[in-house]
Structures are given as structure tokens and as C-alpha cells.
Amino acid sequence: MKTSYARWMVAMVCSMTLSSAVIAEEQASDPWQGFNRAMFSFNEGLDTYALKPITKGYQVVMPDLGERGVNNFFSNLGDVSNTFNNLLQGKVDDALMSLARLGFNTTFGLAGLIDVATPMGIEKKSEDFGQTLGTWGVASGPYLVLPFFGPSTVRDGLGRIPDAMIDPVMQVDDAGARNALYTLRVIDTRSQLMKVEKLISGDKYTFIRDAYLQKRAYDITDGAENYDSSNF
């Protein structure tokens, strides 16, 4: 009887120690959790009552071929940022590959509506300025949920500024056309996310946070083995 009680006590102590370690690690990576959860709820409400219904309507009226063309178009615009950020990271070959994709898809792909580069074997090399800062050794800082934009970190949030400055959509002079392009890109992005949101389980906030931080660490190290996500 005493042996069983002792084992139970040992198990309880181990469980409490493990739980304390998990909580401490979570607080270290997400010290602004109160603010972040508030912003997460705000974004969720905006998505539930506005963005998601609009996106579902878009999927209904837009043919699959049209959806694919829109996604290709914005993906092609993204290769402008990919080219610059690969170059800033010293990845000359990847920068040239991104530039080649941009050239082929813009010309032969009808302004990027058709992805002709991928079948040619020219791979997409996605990079942003947040990843560039990470490559330069800048720490991520705390996890941060941005209103409207969603999951981020202090570093990645700041990285959005230079990326926006070289965004081709930003260069459109006509305000109406520029806003229309921004809106369409948001809808296209949300449409793509609908394909993977069914994978979310448990606490949605925690799931998205952990998935985001792990993916960013993976992206910055280009998938290197034995990377430590806490360093990124």
C-alpha cells in the first residue's frame, strides 16, 4: 500500500515538474499572450463575419481556372520580394532563379496568370525580410499577433515594412485599383488557407502559434536538420 502511494506521489511530482517546465517555456516564447489572445479573438471575429463569407462567395462564383490564375498572379508578384531577399541573404543562385521565374511568368505566363516556370524546372524560392533578418542573426523577439495580419513576431512584424516598400501592388498609382488588388490578394490568401484549416486541433490559438513559430524556424534555416526553433 505504501509502495503504491509512494509511486503515486513520484508520478504526481514528475507531472507537476513537467507541467511547470512547459508553462515556463510557453511564457518565454509568448510573454504577451494576454494581448495576443485579444488580437486573435478580434481577427477571428473579423474572419467569421466578413472575410470567410466573402471568400466562400468568391469560391462559388469564380471558376477553378480563374482561382488558379489569381493565385498564380499574386505568387508571381511575390517573386519580386523573393529576388531581393535571396540576394540580401547571399543566395545568388536562388535570387537568379526567382528573377527567372518573374521574367518567364510575366511574359510567357501572361502577367503571371499562368505558371510556366515551374514546369520548366525553375523552383520557387520564397523569402521575406523577416527571414532575411533571421539569417543575419536577428532574434525573433516575442510572438506577436497583429490585428488584420495575424501571427507574427517582433522581427517578422518589422520585416513587413521593407517588403511592403517593394511590393508591386504598392506601386500602383490609382488608389481604387490598388485597393482592389489588395482586397483580391487577401481573399486569395484566405481561399488557400481554407484547404488546411481542417488540420487544426485543440486550442486554435496555441496550434497556430506553435505551427507558425516552427515553420518560421524551418524556413530561416532552409529546413536544416537539428534546428532549435527557440533560437528563431
Protein backbone atom coordinates (compact mmCIF):
# COMPACT_ATOMS: atom_id res chain seq x y z
CA MET A 1 0.00 0.00 0.00
CA LYS A 2 2.84 2.32 0.99
CA THR A 3 4.72 1.41 -2.19
CA SER A 4 1.70 2.30 -4.36
CA TYR A 5 1.29 5.61 -2.51
CA ALA A 6 4.98 6.41 -2.98
CA ARG A 7 4.76 5.67 -6.71
CA TRP A 8 1.67 7.84 -6.97
CA MET A 9 3.48 10.71 -5.21
CA VAL A 10 6.52 10.36 -7.51
CA ALA A 11 4.25 10.38 -10.57
CA MET A 12 2.46 13.50 -9.29
CA VAL A 13 5.74 15.33 -8.63
CA CYS A 14 7.08 14.42 -12.08
CA SER A 15 3.85 15.53 -13.71
CA MET A 16 3.88 18.86 -11.85
CA THR A 17 7.54 19.43 -12.72
CA LEU A 18 6.90 18.70 -16.38
CA SER A 19 3.84 20.97 -16.42
CA SER A 20 5.84 23.78 -14.80
CA ALA A 21 8.57 23.40 -17.41
CA VAL A 22 6.04 23.53 -20.26
CA ILE A 23 4.36 26.64 -18.77
CA ALA A 24 7.75 28.34 -18.29
CA GLU A 25 8.74 27.60 -21.88
CA GLU A 26 5.40 28.90 -23.17
CA GLN A 27 5.72 32.11 -21.15
CA ALA A 28 9.23 32.64 -22.52
CA SER A 29 8.12 32.35 -26.14
CA ASP A 30 4.75 34.08 -25.67
CA PRO A 31 5.06 36.65 -22.84
CA TRP A 32 2.37 38.85 -24.41
CA GLN A 33 -0.22 36.09 -24.51
CA GLY A 34 -2.98 38.24 -22.98
CA PHE A 35 -2.66 40.87 -25.72
CA ASN A 36 -2.13 38.21 -28.39
CA ARG A 37 -5.26 36.30 -27.47
CA ALA A 38 -7.27 39.52 -27.57
CA MET A 39 -5.95 40.30 -31.06
CA PHE A 40 -6.54 36.68 -32.07
CA SER A 41 -10.18 36.95 -30.99
CA PHE A 42 -10.54 40.21 -32.91
CA ASN A 43 -9.12 38.64 -36.07
CA GLU A 44 -11.29 35.56 -35.62
CA GLY A 45 -14.40 37.72 -35.39
CA LEU A 46 -13.42 39.65 -38.49
CA ASP A 47 -12.78 36.40 -40.32
CA THR A 48 -16.00 34.73 -39.18
CA TYR A 49 -18.37 37.59 -40.01
CA ALA A 50 -16.67 39.18 -43.02
CA LEU A 51 -13.65 37.58 -44.67
CA LYS A 52 -14.70 33.93 -44.62
CA PRO A 53 -18.22 34.51 -46.04
CA ILE A 54 -16.78 36.75 -48.77
CA THR A 55 -14.17 34.13 -49.60
CA LYS A 56 -16.76 31.38 -49.80
CA GLY A 57 -18.79 33.53 -52.18
CA TYR A 58 -15.65 34.14 -54.24
CA GLN A 59 -15.04 30.39 -54.47
CA VAL A 60 -18.62 29.82 -55.63
CA VAL A 61 -18.63 32.39 -58.42
CA MET A 62 -15.00 32.06 -59.53
CA PRO A 63 -14.19 29.06 -61.75
CA ASP A 64 -11.31 26.86 -60.57
CA LEU A 65 -9.25 28.02 -63.53
CA GLY A 66 -9.86 31.64 -62.54
CA GLU A 67 -8.90 30.98 -58.91
CA ARG A 68 -5.70 29.32 -60.03
CA GLY A 69 -4.92 32.25 -62.31
CA VAL A 70 -5.42 34.77 -59.48
CA ASN A 71 -3.22 32.75 -57.17
CA ASN A 72 -0.53 32.47 -59.86
CA PHE A 73 -0.71 36.23 -60.47
CA PHE A 74 -0.02 37.16 -56.84
CA SER A 75 2.55 34.40 -56.48
CA ASN A 76 4.37 35.91 -59.45
CA LEU A 77 4.34 39.36 -57.81
CA GLY A 78 5.84 37.73 -54.72
CA ASP A 79 8.92 36.79 -56.72
CA VAL A 80 9.94 40.47 -56.67
CA SER A 81 10.42 40.25 -52.90
CA ASN A 82 11.91 36.76 -53.23
CA THR A 83 14.56 38.05 -55.62
CA PHE A 84 15.65 40.90 -53.33
CA ASN A 85 15.61 38.86 -50.12
CA ASN A 86 17.52 35.94 -51.60
CA LEU A 87 20.13 38.42 -52.79
CA LEU A 88 20.32 40.08 -49.35
CA GLN A 89 20.88 36.65 -47.82
CA GLY A 90 23.73 35.92 -50.21
CA LYS A 91 21.77 33.25 -52.07
CA VAL A 92 22.74 34.42 -55.53
CA ASP A 93 21.58 31.28 -57.33
CA ASP A 94 18.17 31.44 -55.64
CA ALA A 95 17.90 35.16 -56.45
CA LEU A 96 18.61 34.44 -60.13
CA MET A 97 16.05 31.63 -60.04
CA SER A 98 13.42 33.97 -58.57
CA LEU A 99 14.26 36.59 -61.19
CA ALA A 100 13.98 33.99 -63.95
CA ARG A 101 10.57 32.91 -62.63
CA LEU A 102 9.44 36.52 -62.60
CA GLY A 103 10.63 37.06 -66.17
CA PHE A 104 9.16 33.90 -67.69
CA ASN A 105 5.84 34.07 -65.85
CA THR A 106 5.34 37.78 -66.51
CA THR A 107 5.99 37.43 -70.24
CA PHE A 108 5.11 33.93 -71.41
CA GLY A 109 2.71 33.40 -68.49
CA LEU A 110 0.52 36.38 -69.39
CA ALA A 111 1.44 38.69 -66.48
CA GLY A 112 1.77 35.71 -64.16
CA LEU A 113 -1.71 34.26 -64.66
CA ILE A 114 -0.07 31.05 -65.86
CA ASP A 115 2.85 29.49 -64.04
CA VAL A 116 5.14 28.43 -66.87
CA ALA A 117 8.32 28.49 -64.75
CA THR A 118 7.53 25.51 -62.52
CA PRO A 119 7.06 23.03 -65.40
CA MET A 120 10.37 24.34 -66.75
CA GLY A 121 12.05 23.19 -63.53
CA ILE A 122 12.57 26.69 -62.10
CA GLU A 123 11.71 26.26 -58.43
CA LYS A 124 10.11 28.93 -56.28
CA LYS A 125 12.46 30.21 -53.57
CA SER A 126 10.23 32.07 -51.12
CA GLU A 127 11.97 34.53 -48.80
CA ASP A 128 10.83 37.65 -46.96
CA PHE A 129 12.64 40.33 -44.98
CA GLY A 130 11.76 38.68 -41.68
CA GLN A 131 13.66 35.61 -42.86
CA THR A 132 16.48 37.85 -44.07
CA LEU A 133 16.79 39.40 -40.61
CA GLY A 134 16.78 35.91 -39.09
CA THR A 135 19.56 34.85 -41.46
CA TRP A 136 21.54 37.91 -40.34
CA GLY A 137 21.24 36.71 -36.75
CA VAL A 138 18.43 38.99 -35.54
CA ALA A 139 16.42 37.21 -32.85
CA SER A 140 12.69 36.84 -33.44
CA GLY A 141 11.62 38.52 -30.23
CA PRO A 142 8.30 37.55 -28.62
CA TYR A 143 5.43 36.03 -30.55
CA LEU A 144 3.04 38.74 -31.68
CA VAL A 145 -0.47 38.58 -33.15
CA LEU A 146 -1.03 41.58 -35.39
CA PRO A 147 -4.53 42.96 -35.99
CA PHE A 148 -5.67 42.04 -39.52
CA PHE A 149 -2.34 40.33 -40.35
CA GLY A 150 -2.38 37.52 -37.79
CA PRO A 151 0.56 35.50 -36.39
CA SER A 152 3.98 37.14 -36.38
CA THR A 153 6.92 38.03 -34.16
CA VAL A 154 8.50 41.40 -33.41
CA ARG A 155 11.17 40.72 -36.05
CA ASP A 156 8.71 39.48 -38.67
CA GLY A 157 6.35 42.36 -38.00
CA LEU A 158 9.14 44.88 -38.64
CA GLY A 159 10.15 42.88 -41.71
CA ARG A 160 6.80 43.62 -43.27
CA ILE A 161 7.79 47.27 -43.75
CA PRO A 162 10.60 46.83 -46.31
CA ASP A 163 8.65 44.03 -48.01
CA ALA A 164 5.71 46.43 -48.43
CA MET A 165 8.01 49.06 -49.92
CA ILE A 166 8.99 46.77 -52.81
CA ASP A 167 5.53 45.24 -53.20
CA PRO A 168 4.42 45.85 -56.83
CA VAL A 169 0.84 46.42 -55.67
CA MET A 170 2.12 49.32 -53.55
CA GLN A 171 3.43 50.95 -56.71
CA VAL A 172 0.01 51.17 -58.38
CA ASP A 173 -0.84 54.88 -58.60
CA ASP A 174 -4.61 54.58 -58.84
CA ALA A 175 -5.94 54.19 -55.29
CA GLY A 176 -9.07 52.32 -56.40
CA ALA A 177 -7.10 49.78 -58.42
CA ARG A 178 -4.52 49.40 -55.65
CA ASN A 179 -7.18 48.75 -53.00
CA ALA A 180 -8.96 46.29 -55.30
CA LEU A 181 -5.71 44.35 -55.76
CA TYR A 182 -5.07 44.33 -52.00
CA THR A 183 -8.59 43.04 -51.37
CA LEU A 184 -8.32 40.35 -54.02
CA ARG A 185 -4.97 39.20 -52.62
CA VAL A 186 -6.43 38.90 -49.11
CA ILE A 187 -9.34 36.84 -50.47
CA ASP A 188 -6.95 34.64 -52.46
CA THR A 189 -4.80 34.07 -49.38
CA ARG A 190 -7.84 33.18 -47.27
CA SER A 191 -9.03 30.84 -50.00
CA GLN A 192 -5.73 28.95 -49.87
CA LEU A 193 -5.91 28.68 -46.06
CA MET A 194 -9.31 27.03 -46.22
CA LYS A 195 -7.59 23.96 -47.63
CA VAL A 196 -5.52 23.44 -44.48
CA GLU A 197 -7.61 24.82 -41.60
CA LYS A 198 -9.28 21.42 -41.10
CA LEU A 199 -5.92 20.20 -39.76
CA ILE A 200 -6.22 22.47 -36.71
CA SER A 201 -6.96 20.63 -33.47
CA GLY A 202 -7.15 21.54 -29.80
CA ASP A 203 -6.79 25.16 -28.73
CA LYS A 204 -6.74 27.05 -32.04
CA TYR A 205 -4.60 29.91 -30.71
CA THR A 206 -1.90 27.58 -29.39
CA PHE A 207 -1.98 25.38 -32.50
CA ILE A 208 -1.50 28.33 -34.86
CA ARG A 209 1.19 29.93 -32.68
CA ASP A 210 3.28 26.76 -32.41
CA ALA A 211 2.85 25.92 -36.09
CA TYR A 212 3.87 29.45 -37.10
CA LEU A 213 6.99 29.56 -34.92
CA GLN A 214 8.13 26.11 -36.03
CA LYS A 215 7.60 26.90 -39.71
CA ARG A 216 9.48 30.19 -39.43
CA ALA A 217 12.42 28.44 -37.79
CA TYR A 218 12.34 25.81 -40.53
CA ASP A 219 12.17 28.44 -43.28
CA ILE A 220 15.04 30.53 -41.90
CA THR A 221 17.33 27.51 -41.67
CA ASP A 222 16.12 26.23 -45.06
CA GLY A 223 14.99 23.03 -43.41
CA ALA A 224 18.35 22.25 -41.82
CA GLU A 225 18.31 19.25 -39.53
CA ASN A 226 18.55 19.62 -35.75
CA TYR A 227 17.48 23.27 -35.74
CA ASP A 228 16.21 24.69 -32.46
CA SER A 229 13.00 26.67 -33.04
CA SER A 230 13.55 28.58 -29.78
CA ASN A 231 16.51 30.34 -31.39
CA PHE A 232 14.42 31.80 -34.19
